[in-house]
Amino acid sequence: IAISADGSRLHYCPLASRRWYSVATDALADRDLTEDLVAATVADEG
C-alpha cells in the first residue's frame, strides 16, 4: 500500500499477483458512497 504524492490515489497490490491497482482517496473517505461507486474509481495500474 502507498499513497500518491498528491494524495489523490491510494495504490495497493495483492501479494500473490503481478498486478497493482489504485483507487480514489476521496471515494474511500466518503462514507455516503456505495461500494459500487467506490469500486468505479479503481484503476488497474498494470
ModelCIF file with pLDDT and N, C-alpha, C, O atoms, coordinates in Angstrom:
data_MODEL
#
_entry.id   MODEL 
#
_entity.id                         1 
_entity.type                       polymer 
_entity.pdbx_number_of_molecules   1 
#
_entity_poly.entity_id                      1 
_entity_poly.type                           'polypeptide(L)' 
_entity_poly.nstd_linkage                   no 
_entity_poly.nstd_monomer                   no 
_entity_poly.pdbx_seq_one_letter_code       IAISADGSRLHYCPLASRRWYSVATDALADRDLTEDLVAATVADEG 
_entity_poly.pdbx_seq_one_letter_code_can   IAISADGSRLHYCPLASRRWYSVATDALADRDLTEDLVAATVADEG 
_entity_poly.pdbx_strand_id                 A 
#
loop_
_entity_poly_seq.entity_id 
_entity_poly_seq.num 
_entity_poly_seq.mon_id 
_entity_poly_seq.hetero 
1 1  ILE n 
1 2  ALA n 
1 3  ILE n 
1 4  SER n 
1 5  ALA n 
1 6  ASP n 
1 7  GLY n 
1 8  SER n 
1 9  ARG n 
1 10 LEU n 
1 11 HIS n 
1 12 TYR n 
1 13 CYS n 
1 14 PRO n 
1 15 LEU n 
1 16 ALA n 
1 17 SER n 
1 18 ARG n 
1 19 ARG n 
1 20 TRP n 
1 21 TYR n 
1 22 SER n 
1 23 VAL n 
1 24 ALA n 
1 25 THR n 
1 26 ASP n 
1 27 ALA n 
1 28 LEU n 
1 29 ALA n 
1 30 ASP n 
1 31 ARG n 
1 32 ASP n 
1 33 LEU n 
1 34 THR n 
1 35 GLU n 
1 36 ASP n 
1 37 LEU n 
1 38 VAL n 
1 39 ALA n 
1 40 ALA n 
1 41 THR n 
1 42 VAL n 
1 43 ALA n 
1 44 ASP n 
1 45 GLU n 
1 46 GLY n 
#
_struct_asym.id          A 
_struct_asym.entity_id   1 
#
loop_
_ma_qa_metric.id 
_ma_qa_metric.mode 
_ma_qa_metric.name 
_ma_qa_metric.software_group_id 
_ma_qa_metric.type 
1 global pLDDT . pLDDT 
2 local  pLDDT . pLDDT 
#
_ma_qa_metric_global.metric_id      1 
_ma_qa_metric_global.metric_value   95.76 
_ma_qa_metric_global.model_id       1 
_ma_qa_metric_global.ordinal_id     1 
#
loop_
_ma_qa_metric_local.label_asym_id 
_ma_qa_metric_local.label_comp_id 
_ma_qa_metric_local.label_seq_id 
_ma_qa_metric_local.metric_id 
_ma_qa_metric_local.metric_value 
_ma_qa_metric_local.model_id 
_ma_qa_metric_local.ordinal_id 
A ILE 1  2 95.00 1 1  
A ALA 2  2 96.00 1 2  
A ILE 3  2 96.00 1 3  
A SER 4  2 96.00 1 4  
A ALA 5  2 95.00 1 5  
A ASP 6  2 95.00 1 6  
A GLY 7  2 95.00 1 7  
A SER 8  2 97.00 1 8  
A ARG 9  2 97.00 1 9  
A LEU 10 2 97.00 1 10 
A HIS 11 2 97.00 1 11 
A TYR 12 2 97.00 1 12 
A CYS 13 2 95.00 1 13 
A PRO 14 2 94.00 1 14 
A LEU 15 2 92.00 1 15 
A ALA 16 2 92.00 1 16 
A SER 17 2 92.00 1 17 
A ARG 18 2 91.00 1 18 
A ARG 19 2 93.00 1 19 
A TRP 20 2 95.00 1 20 
A TYR 21 2 97.00 1 21 
A SER 22 2 98.00 1 22 
A VAL 23 2 98.00 1 23 
A ALA 24 2 98.00 1 24 
A THR 25 2 97.00 1 25 
A ASP 26 2 97.00 1 26 
A ALA 27 2 97.00 1 27 
A LEU 28 2 96.00 1 28 
A ALA 29 2 94.00 1 29 
A ASP 30 2 95.00 1 30 
A ARG 31 2 93.00 1 31 
A ASP 32 2 94.00 1 32 
A LEU 33 2 96.00 1 33 
A THR 34 2 96.00 1 34 
A GLU 35 2 96.00 1 35 
A ASP 36 2 96.00 1 36 
A LEU 37 2 97.00 1 37 
A VAL 38 2 97.00 1 38 
A ALA 39 2 97.00 1 39 
A ALA 40 2 98.00 1 40 
A THR 41 2 98.00 1 41 
A VAL 42 2 98.00 1 42 
A ALA 43 2 98.00 1 43 
A ASP 44 2 97.00 1 44 
A GLU 45 2 96.00 1 45 
A GLY 46 2 94.00 1 46 
#
loop_
_atom_site.group_PDB 
_atom_site.id 
_atom_site.type_symbol 
_atom_site.label_atom_id 
_atom_site.label_alt_id 
_atom_site.label_comp_id 
_atom_site.label_asym_id 
_atom_site.label_entity_id 
_atom_site.label_seq_id 
_atom_site.pdbx_PDB_ins_code 
_atom_site.Cartn_x 
_atom_site.Cartn_y 
_atom_site.Cartn_z 
_atom_site.occupancy 
_atom_site.B_iso_or_equiv 
_atom_site.pdbx_formal_charge 
_atom_site.auth_seq_id 
_atom_site.auth_comp_id 
_atom_site.auth_asym_id 
_atom_site.auth_atom_id 
_atom_site.pdbx_PDB_model_num 
ATOM 1   N N  . ILE A 1 1  ? 0.847   -1.197  0.000   1.00 95.00 ? 1  ILE A N  1 
ATOM 2   C CA . ILE A 1 1  ? 0.000   0.000   0.000   1.00 95.00 ? 1  ILE A CA 1 
ATOM 3   C C  . ILE A 1 1  ? 0.882   1.246   0.000   1.00 95.00 ? 1  ILE A C  1 
ATOM 4   O O  . ILE A 1 1  ? 1.895   1.304   0.697   1.00 95.00 ? 1  ILE A O  1 
ATOM 5   N N  . ALA A 1 2  ? 0.479   2.253   -0.800  1.00 96.00 ? 2  ALA A N  1 
ATOM 6   C CA . ALA A 1 2  ? 1.202   3.527   -0.854  1.00 96.00 ? 2  ALA A CA 1 
ATOM 7   C C  . ALA A 1 2  ? 0.259   4.597   -1.395  1.00 96.00 ? 2  ALA A C  1 
ATOM 8   O O  . ALA A 1 2  ? -0.630  4.307   -2.196  1.00 96.00 ? 2  ALA A O  1 
ATOM 9   N N  . ILE A 1 3  ? 0.459   5.810   -0.958  1.00 96.00 ? 3  ILE A N  1 
ATOM 10  C CA . ILE A 1 3  ? -0.384  6.916   -1.417  1.00 96.00 ? 3  ILE A CA 1 
ATOM 11  C C  . ILE A 1 3  ? 0.379   7.744   -2.447  1.00 96.00 ? 3  ILE A C  1 
ATOM 12  O O  . ILE A 1 3  ? 1.594   7.909   -2.342  1.00 96.00 ? 3  ILE A O  1 
ATOM 13  N N  . SER A 1 4  ? -0.327  8.254   -3.421  1.00 96.00 ? 4  SER A N  1 
ATOM 14  C CA . SER A 1 4  ? 0.320   9.069   -4.453  1.00 96.00 ? 4  SER A CA 1 
ATOM 15  C C  . SER A 1 4  ? 0.858   10.361  -3.844  1.00 96.00 ? 4  SER A C  1 
ATOM 16  O O  . SER A 1 4  ? 0.416   10.785  -2.776  1.00 96.00 ? 4  SER A O  1 
ATOM 17  N N  . ALA A 1 5  ? 1.800   10.973  -4.520  1.00 95.00 ? 5  ALA A N  1 
ATOM 18  C CA . ALA A 1 5  ? 2.449   12.176  -3.986  1.00 95.00 ? 5  ALA A CA 1 
ATOM 19  C C  . ALA A 1 5  ? 1.465   13.312  -3.752  1.00 95.00 ? 5  ALA A C  1 
ATOM 20  O O  . ALA A 1 5  ? 1.672   14.134  -2.859  1.00 95.00 ? 5  ALA A O  1 
ATOM 21  N N  . ASP A 1 6  ? 0.383   13.371  -4.550  1.00 95.00 ? 6  ASP A N  1 
ATOM 22  C CA . ASP A 1 6  ? -0.606  14.436  -4.366  1.00 95.00 ? 6  ASP A CA 1 
ATOM 23  C C  . ASP A 1 6  ? -1.760  14.013  -3.455  1.00 95.00 ? 6  ASP A C  1 
ATOM 24  O O  . ASP A 1 6  ? -2.668  14.803  -3.194  1.00 95.00 ? 6  ASP A O  1 
ATOM 25  N N  . GLY A 1 7  ? -1.726  12.768  -2.971  1.00 95.00 ? 7  GLY A N  1 
ATOM 26  C CA . GLY A 1 7  ? -2.749  12.278  -2.058  1.00 95.00 ? 7  GLY A CA 1 
ATOM 27  C C  . GLY A 1 7  ? -4.057  11.881  -2.711  1.00 95.00 ? 7  GLY A C  1 
ATOM 28  O O  . GLY A 1 7  ? -5.004  11.529  -2.008  1.00 95.00 ? 7  GLY A O  1 
ATOM 29  N N  . SER A 1 8  ? -4.142  11.927  -4.027  1.00 97.00 ? 8  SER A N  1 
ATOM 30  C CA . SER A 1 8  ? -5.421  11.683  -4.699  1.00 97.00 ? 8  SER A CA 1 
ATOM 31  C C  . SER A 1 8  ? -5.735  10.205  -4.917  1.00 97.00 ? 8  SER A C  1 
ATOM 32  O O  . SER A 1 8  ? -6.899  9.839   -5.077  1.00 97.00 ? 8  SER A O  1 
ATOM 33  N N  . ARG A 1 9  ? -4.710  9.353   -4.927  1.00 97.00 ? 9  ARG A N  1 
ATOM 34  C CA . ARG A 1 9  ? -4.925  7.924   -5.207  1.00 97.00 ? 9  ARG A CA 1 
ATOM 35  C C  . ARG A 1 9  ? -4.200  7.078   -4.168  1.00 97.00 ? 9  ARG A C  1 
ATOM 36  O O  . ARG A 1 9  ? -3.083  7.391   -3.756  1.00 97.00 ? 9  ARG A O  1 
ATOM 37  N N  . LEU A 1 10 ? -4.854  6.006   -3.756  1.00 97.00 ? 10 LEU A N  1 
ATOM 38  C CA . LEU A 1 10 ? -4.233  5.005   -2.902  1.00 97.00 ? 10 LEU A CA 1 
ATOM 39  C C  . LEU A 1 10 ? -3.891  3.813   -3.778  1.00 97.00 ? 10 LEU A C  1 
ATOM 40  O O  . LEU A 1 10 ? -4.771  3.242   -4.422  1.00 97.00 ? 10 LEU A O  1 
ATOM 41  N N  . HIS A 1 11 ? -2.620  3.435   -3.807  1.00 97.00 ? 11 HIS A N  1 
ATOM 42  C CA . HIS A 1 11 ? -2.159  2.314   -4.619  1.00 97.00 ? 11 HIS A CA 1 
ATOM 43  C C  . HIS A 1 11 ? -2.007  1.091   -3.726  1.00 97.00 ? 11 HIS A C  1 
ATOM 44  O O  . HIS A 1 11 ? -1.623  1.205   -2.562  1.00 97.00 ? 11 HIS A O  1 
ATOM 45  N N  . TYR A 1 12 ? -2.312  -0.086  -4.283  1.00 97.00 ? 12 TYR A N  1 
ATOM 46  C CA . TYR A 1 12 ? -2.241  -1.320  -3.497  1.00 97.00 ? 12 TYR A CA 1 
ATOM 47  C C  . TYR A 1 12 ? -2.035  -2.501  -4.422  1.00 97.00 ? 12 TYR A C  1 
ATOM 48  O O  . TYR A 1 12 ? -2.275  -2.419  -5.627  1.00 97.00 ? 12 TYR A O  1 
ATOM 49  N N  . CYS A 1 13 ? -1.583  -3.610  -3.833  1.00 95.00 ? 13 CYS A N  1 
ATOM 50  C CA . CYS A 1 13 ? -1.380  -4.811  -4.643  1.00 95.00 ? 13 CYS A CA 1 
ATOM 51  C C  . CYS A 1 13 ? -1.583  -6.057  -3.791  1.00 95.00 ? 13 CYS A C  1 
ATOM 52  O O  . CYS A 1 13 ? -1.207  -6.082  -2.619  1.00 95.00 ? 13 CYS A O  1 
ATOM 53  N N  . PRO A 1 14 ? -2.179  -7.092  -4.382  1.00 94.00 ? 14 PRO A N  1 
ATOM 54  C CA . PRO A 1 14 ? -2.200  -8.388  -3.718  1.00 94.00 ? 14 PRO A CA 1 
ATOM 55  C C  . PRO A 1 14 ? -0.785  -8.953  -3.667  1.00 94.00 ? 14 PRO A C  1 
ATOM 56  O O  . PRO A 1 14 ? 0.005   -8.714  -4.581  1.00 94.00 ? 14 PRO A O  1 
ATOM 57  N N  . LEU A 1 15 ? -0.456  -9.688  -2.628  1.00 92.00 ? 15 LEU A N  1 
ATOM 58  C CA . LEU A 1 15 ? 0.870   -10.292 -2.539  1.00 92.00 ? 15 LEU A CA 1 
ATOM 59  C C  . LEU A 1 15 ? 1.037   -11.342 -3.621  1.00 92.00 ? 15 LEU A C  1 
ATOM 60  O O  . LEU A 1 15 ? 2.099   -11.426 -4.237  1.00 92.00 ? 15 LEU A O  1 
ATOM 61  N N  . ALA A 1 16 ? 0.012   -12.142 -3.863  1.00 92.00 ? 16 ALA A N  1 
ATOM 62  C CA . ALA A 1 16 ? 0.079   -13.205 -4.865  1.00 92.00 ? 16 ALA A CA 1 
ATOM 63  C C  . ALA A 1 16 ? -0.466  -12.697 -6.201  1.00 92.00 ? 16 ALA A C  1 
ATOM 64  O O  . ALA A 1 16 ? -1.512  -13.137 -6.677  1.00 92.00 ? 16 ALA A O  1 
ATOM 65  N N  . SER A 1 17 ? 0.275   -11.761 -6.786  1.00 92.00 ? 17 SER A N  1 
ATOM 66  C CA . SER A 1 17 ? -0.132  -11.173 -8.054  1.00 92.00 ? 17 SER A CA 1 
ATOM 67  C C  . SER A 1 17 ? 1.015   -10.351 -8.624  1.00 92.00 ? 17 SER A C  1 
ATOM 68  O O  . SER A 1 17 ? 1.863   -9.854  -7.883  1.00 92.00 ? 17 SER A O  1 
ATOM 69  N N  . ARG A 1 18 ? 1.036   -10.214 -9.917  1.00 91.00 ? 18 ARG A N  1 
ATOM 70  C CA . ARG A 1 18 ? 1.994   -9.309  -10.560 1.00 91.00 ? 18 ARG A CA 1 
ATOM 71  C C  . ARG A 1 18 ? 1.335   -8.002  -10.965 1.00 91.00 ? 18 ARG A C  1 
ATOM 72  O O  . ARG A 1 18 ? 1.970   -7.170  -11.614 1.00 91.00 ? 18 ARG A O  1 
ATOM 73  N N  . ARG A 1 19 ? 0.082   -7.804  -10.599 1.00 93.00 ? 19 ARG A N  1 
ATOM 74  C CA . ARG A 1 19 ? -0.652  -6.590  -10.956 1.00 93.00 ? 19 ARG A CA 1 
ATOM 75  C C  . ARG A 1 19 ? -0.790  -5.700  -9.731  1.00 93.00 ? 19 ARG A C  1 
ATOM 76  O O  . ARG A 1 19 ? -0.682  -6.151  -8.591  1.00 93.00 ? 19 ARG A O  1 
ATOM 77  N N  . TRP A 1 20 ? -1.036  -4.406  -10.003 1.00 95.00 ? 20 TRP A N  1 
ATOM 78  C CA . TRP A 1 20 ? -1.333  -3.478  -8.917  1.00 95.00 ? 20 TRP A CA 1 
ATOM 79  C C  . TRP A 1 20 ? -2.416  -2.524  -9.348  1.00 95.00 ? 20 TRP A C  1 
ATOM 80  O O  . TRP A 1 20 ? -2.702  -2.383  -10.537 1.00 95.00 ? 20 TRP A O  1 
ATOM 81  N N  . TYR A 1 21 ? -3.023  -1.863  -8.368  1.00 97.00 ? 21 TYR A N  1 
ATOM 82  C CA . TYR A 1 21 ? -4.233  -1.089  -8.595  1.00 97.00 ? 21 TYR A CA 1 
ATOM 83  C C  . TYR A 1 21 ? -4.170  0.206   -7.792  1.00 97.00 ? 21 TYR A C  1 
ATOM 84  O O  . TYR A 1 21 ? -3.334  0.369   -6.903  1.00 97.00 ? 21 TYR A O  1 
ATOM 85  N N  . SER A 1 22 ? -5.081  1.125   -8.131  1.00 98.00 ? 22 SER A N  1 
ATOM 86  C CA . SER A 1 22 ? -5.238  2.334   -7.321  1.00 98.00 ? 22 SER A CA 1 
ATOM 87  C C  . SER A 1 22 ? -6.718  2.673   -7.238  1.00 98.00 ? 22 SER A C  1 
ATOM 88  O O  . SER A 1 22 ? -7.521  2.219   -8.054  1.00 98.00 ? 22 SER A O  1 
ATOM 89  N N  . VAL A 1 23 ? -7.064  3.475   -6.243  1.00 98.00 ? 23 VAL A N  1 
ATOM 90  C CA . VAL A 1 23 ? -8.446  3.887   -6.023  1.00 98.00 ? 23 VAL A CA 1 
ATOM 91  C C  . VAL A 1 23 ? -8.421  5.335   -5.549  1.00 98.00 ? 23 VAL A C  1 
ATOM 92  O O  . VAL A 1 23 ? -7.462  5.761   -4.905  1.00 98.00 ? 23 VAL A O  1 
ATOM 93  N N  . ALA A 1 24 ? -9.457  6.084   -5.859  1.00 98.00 ? 24 ALA A N  1 
ATOM 94  C CA . ALA A 1 24 ? -9.534  7.489   -5.457  1.00 98.00 ? 24 ALA A CA 1 
ATOM 95  C C  . ALA A 1 24 ? -9.679  7.599   -3.934  1.00 98.00 ? 24 ALA A C  1 
ATOM 96  O O  . ALA A 1 24 ? -10.562 6.976   -3.344  1.00 98.00 ? 24 ALA A O  1 
ATOM 97  N N  . THR A 1 25 ? -8.820  8.381   -3.315  1.00 97.00 ? 25 THR A N  1 
ATOM 98  C CA . THR A 1 25 ? -8.897  8.540   -1.857  1.00 97.00 ? 25 THR A CA 1 
ATOM 99  C C  . THR A 1 25 ? -10.162 9.267   -1.433  1.00 97.00 ? 25 THR A C  1 
ATOM 100 O O  . THR A 1 25 ? -10.712 8.977   -0.371  1.00 97.00 ? 25 THR A O  1 
ATOM 101 N N  . ASP A 1 26 ? -10.634 10.206  -2.245  1.00 97.00 ? 26 ASP A N  1 
ATOM 102 C CA . ASP A 1 26 ? -11.895 10.894  -1.914  1.00 97.00 ? 26 ASP A CA 1 
ATOM 103 C C  . ASP A 1 26 ? -13.051 9.908   -1.830  1.00 97.00 ? 26 ASP A C  1 
ATOM 104 O O  . ASP A 1 26 ? -13.917 10.032  -0.964  1.00 97.00 ? 26 ASP A O  1 
ATOM 105 N N  . ALA A 1 27 ? -13.064 8.935   -2.723  1.00 97.00 ? 27 ALA A N  1 
ATOM 106 C CA . ALA A 1 27 ? -14.128 7.931   -2.712  1.00 97.00 ? 27 ALA A CA 1 
ATOM 107 C C  . ALA A 1 27 ? -14.026 7.036   -1.475  1.00 97.00 ? 27 ALA A C  1 
ATOM 108 O O  . ALA A 1 27 ? -15.035 6.707   -0.852  1.00 97.00 ? 27 ALA A O  1 
ATOM 109 N N  . LEU A 1 28 ? -12.803 6.648   -1.130  1.00 96.00 ? 28 LEU A N  1 
ATOM 110 C CA . LEU A 1 28 ? -12.617 5.819   0.062   1.00 96.00 ? 28 LEU A CA 1 
ATOM 111 C C  . LEU A 1 28 ? -13.104 6.527   1.319   1.00 96.00 ? 28 LEU A C  1 
ATOM 112 O O  . LEU A 1 28 ? -13.683 5.906   2.211   1.00 96.00 ? 28 LEU A O  1 
ATOM 113 N N  . ALA A 1 29 ? -12.865 7.817   1.378   1.00 94.00 ? 29 ALA A N  1 
ATOM 114 C CA . ALA A 1 29 ? -13.177 8.585   2.591   1.00 94.00 ? 29 ALA A CA 1 
ATOM 115 C C  . ALA A 1 29 ? -14.648 8.988   2.701   1.00 94.00 ? 29 ALA A C  1 
ATOM 116 O O  . ALA A 1 29 ? -15.117 9.338   3.784   1.00 94.00 ? 29 ALA A O  1 
ATOM 117 N N  . ASP A 1 30 ? -15.370 8.939   1.589   1.00 95.00 ? 30 ASP A N  1 
ATOM 118 C CA . ASP A 1 30 ? -16.771 9.372   1.596   1.00 95.00 ? 30 ASP A CA 1 
ATOM 119 C C  . ASP A 1 30 ? -17.673 8.221   2.031   1.00 95.00 ? 30 ASP A C  1 
ATOM 120 O O  . ASP A 1 30 ? -17.949 7.314   1.246   1.00 95.00 ? 30 ASP A O  1 
ATOM 121 N N  . ARG A 1 31 ? -18.130 8.258   3.277   1.00 93.00 ? 31 ARG A N  1 
ATOM 122 C CA . ARG A 1 31 ? -18.946 7.167   3.818   1.00 93.00 ? 31 ARG A CA 1 
ATOM 123 C C  . ARG A 1 31 ? -20.320 7.086   3.153   1.00 93.00 ? 31 ARG A C  1 
ATOM 124 O O  . ARG A 1 31 ? -21.004 6.070   3.280   1.00 93.00 ? 31 ARG A O  1 
ATOM 125 N N  . ASP A 1 32 ? -20.731 8.135   2.452   1.00 94.00 ? 32 ASP A N  1 
ATOM 126 C CA . ASP A 1 32 ? -22.040 8.127   1.795   1.00 94.00 ? 32 ASP A CA 1 
ATOM 127 C C  . ASP A 1 32 ? -22.025 7.413   0.440   1.00 94.00 ? 32 ASP A C  1 
ATOM 128 O O  . ASP A 1 32 ? -23.083 7.098   -0.105  1.00 94.00 ? 32 ASP A O  1 
ATOM 129 N N  . LEU A 1 33 ? -20.835 7.157   -0.103  1.00 96.00 ? 33 LEU A N  1 
ATOM 130 C CA . LEU A 1 33 ? -20.752 6.467   -1.394  1.00 96.00 ? 33 LEU A CA 1 
ATOM 131 C C  . LEU A 1 33 ? -21.006 4.973   -1.219  1.00 96.00 ? 33 LEU A C  1 
ATOM 132 O O  . LEU A 1 33 ? -20.581 4.374   -0.232  1.00 96.00 ? 33 LEU A O  1 
ATOM 133 N N  . THR A 1 34 ? -21.698 4.384   -2.177  1.00 96.00 ? 34 THR A N  1 
ATOM 134 C CA . THR A 1 34 ? -21.907 2.936   -2.170  1.00 96.00 ? 34 THR A CA 1 
ATOM 135 C C  . THR A 1 34 ? -20.612 2.234   -2.566  1.00 96.00 ? 34 THR A C  1 
ATOM 136 O O  . THR A 1 34 ? -19.702 2.850   -3.120  1.00 96.00 ? 34 THR A O  1 
ATOM 137 N N  . GLU A 1 35 ? -20.545 0.938   -2.275  1.00 96.00 ? 35 GLU A N  1 
ATOM 138 C CA . GLU A 1 35 ? -19.376 0.157   -2.671  1.00 96.00 ? 35 GLU A CA 1 
ATOM 139 C C  . GLU A 1 35 ? -19.169 0.191   -4.184  1.00 96.00 ? 35 GLU A C  1 
ATOM 140 O O  . GLU A 1 35 ? -18.036 0.248   -4.662  1.00 96.00 ? 35 GLU A O  1 
ATOM 141 N N  . ASP A 1 36 ? -20.270 0.155   -4.932  1.00 96.00 ? 36 ASP A N  1 
ATOM 142 C CA . ASP A 1 36 ? -20.156 0.188   -6.395  1.00 96.00 ? 36 ASP A CA 1 
ATOM 143 C C  . ASP A 1 36 ? -19.546 1.493   -6.887  1.00 96.00 ? 36 ASP A C  1 
ATOM 144 O O  . ASP A 1 36 ? -18.751 1.491   -7.827  1.00 96.00 ? 36 ASP A O  1 
ATOM 145 N N  . LEU A 1 37 ? -19.911 2.601   -6.264  1.00 97.00 ? 37 LEU A N  1 
ATOM 146 C CA . LEU A 1 37 ? -19.353 3.891   -6.677  1.00 97.00 ? 37 LEU A CA 1 
ATOM 147 C C  . LEU A 1 37 ? -17.876 3.999   -6.311  1.00 97.00 ? 37 LEU A C  1 
ATOM 148 O O  . LEU A 1 37 ? -17.090 4.568   -7.068  1.00 97.00 ? 37 LEU A O  1 
ATOM 149 N N  . VAL A 1 38 ? -17.498 3.459   -5.158  1.00 97.00 ? 38 VAL A N  1 
ATOM 150 C CA . VAL A 1 38 ? -16.068 3.434   -4.798  1.00 97.00 ? 38 VAL A CA 1 
ATOM 151 C C  . VAL A 1 38 ? -15.321 2.551   -5.792  1.00 97.00 ? 38 VAL A C  1 
ATOM 152 O O  . VAL A 1 38 ? -14.276 2.949   -6.306  1.00 97.00 ? 38 VAL A O  1 
ATOM 153 N N  . ALA A 1 39 ? -15.841 1.367   -6.066  1.00 97.00 ? 39 ALA A N  1 
ATOM 154 C CA . ALA A 1 39 ? -15.189 0.431   -6.989  1.00 97.00 ? 39 ALA A CA 1 
ATOM 155 C C  . ALA A 1 39 ? -15.041 1.018   -8.387  1.00 97.00 ? 39 ALA A C  1 
ATOM 156 O O  . ALA A 1 39 ? -14.107 0.671   -9.109  1.00 97.00 ? 39 ALA A O  1 
ATOM 157 N N  . ALA A 1 40 ? -15.948 1.900   -8.771  1.00 98.00 ? 40 ALA A N  1 
ATOM 158 C CA . ALA A 1 40 ? -15.867 2.518   -10.091 1.00 98.00 ? 40 ALA A CA 1 
ATOM 159 C C  . ALA A 1 40 ? -14.631 3.403   -10.238 1.00 98.00 ? 40 ALA A C  1 
ATOM 160 O O  . ALA A 1 40 ? -14.248 3.730   -11.361 1.00 98.00 ? 40 ALA A O  1 
ATOM 161 N N  . THR A 1 41 ? -14.001 3.796   -9.135  1.00 98.00 ? 41 THR A N  1 
ATOM 162 C CA . THR A 1 41 ? -12.793 4.627   -9.199  1.00 98.00 ? 41 THR A CA 1 
ATOM 163 C C  . THR A 1 41 ? -11.506 3.801   -9.193  1.00 98.00 ? 41 THR A C  1 
ATOM 164 O O  . THR A 1 41 ? -10.411 4.358   -9.261  1.00 98.00 ? 41 THR A O  1 
ATOM 165 N N  . VAL A 1 42 ? -11.637 2.466   -9.113  1.00 98.00 ? 42 VAL A N  1 
ATOM 166 C CA . VAL A 1 42 ? -10.457 1.590   -9.127  1.00 98.00 ? 42 VAL A CA 1 
ATOM 167 C C  . VAL A 1 42 ? -9.846  1.586   -10.521 1.00 98.00 ? 42 VAL A C  1 
ATOM 168 O O  . VAL A 1 42 ? -10.553 1.456   -11.520 1.00 98.00 ? 42 VAL A O  1 
ATOM 169 N N  . ALA A 1 43 ? -8.533  1.728   -10.578 1.00 98.00 ? 43 ALA A N  1 
ATOM 170 C CA . ALA A 1 43 ? -7.806  1.655   -11.852 1.00 98.00 ? 43 ALA A CA 1 
ATOM 171 C C  . ALA A 1 43 ? -6.781  0.528   -11.783 1.00 98.00 ? 43 ALA A C  1 
ATOM 172 O O  . ALA A 1 43 ? -6.084  0.381   -10.779 1.00 98.00 ? 43 ALA A O  1 
ATOM 173 N N  . ASP A 1 44 ? -6.689  -0.261  -12.839 1.00 97.00 ? 44 ASP A N  1 
ATOM 174 C CA . ASP A 1 44 ? -5.669  -1.296  -12.962 1.00 97.00 ? 44 ASP A CA 1 
ATOM 175 C C  . ASP A 1 44 ? -4.390  -0.598  -13.420 1.00 97.00 ? 44 ASP A C  1 
ATOM 176 O O  . ASP A 1 44 ? -4.334  -0.064  -14.528 1.00 97.00 ? 44 ASP A O  1 
ATOM 177 N N  . GLU A 1 45 ? -3.370  -0.603  -12.574 1.00 96.00 ? 45 GLU A N  1 
ATOM 178 C CA . GLU A 1 45 ? -2.109  0.079   -12.880 1.00 96.00 ? 45 GLU A CA 1 
ATOM 179 C C  . GLU A 1 45 ? -1.168  -0.777  -13.728 1.00 96.00 ? 45 GLU A C  1 
ATOM 180 O O  . GLU A 1 45 ? -0.092  -0.324  -14.119 1.00 96.00 ? 45 GLU A O  1 
ATOM 181 N N  . GLY A 1 46 ? -1.579  -2.021  -14.009 1.00 94.00 ? 46 GLY A N  1 
ATOM 182 C CA . GLY A 1 46 ? -0.801  -2.857  -14.914 1.00 94.00 ? 46 GLY A CA 1 
ATOM 183 C C  . GLY A 1 46 ? 0.096   -3.861  -14.215 1.00 94.00 ? 46 GLY A C  1 
ATOM 184 O O  . GLY A 1 46 ? 0.802   -4.623  -14.876 1.00 94.00 ? 46 GLY A O  1 
#
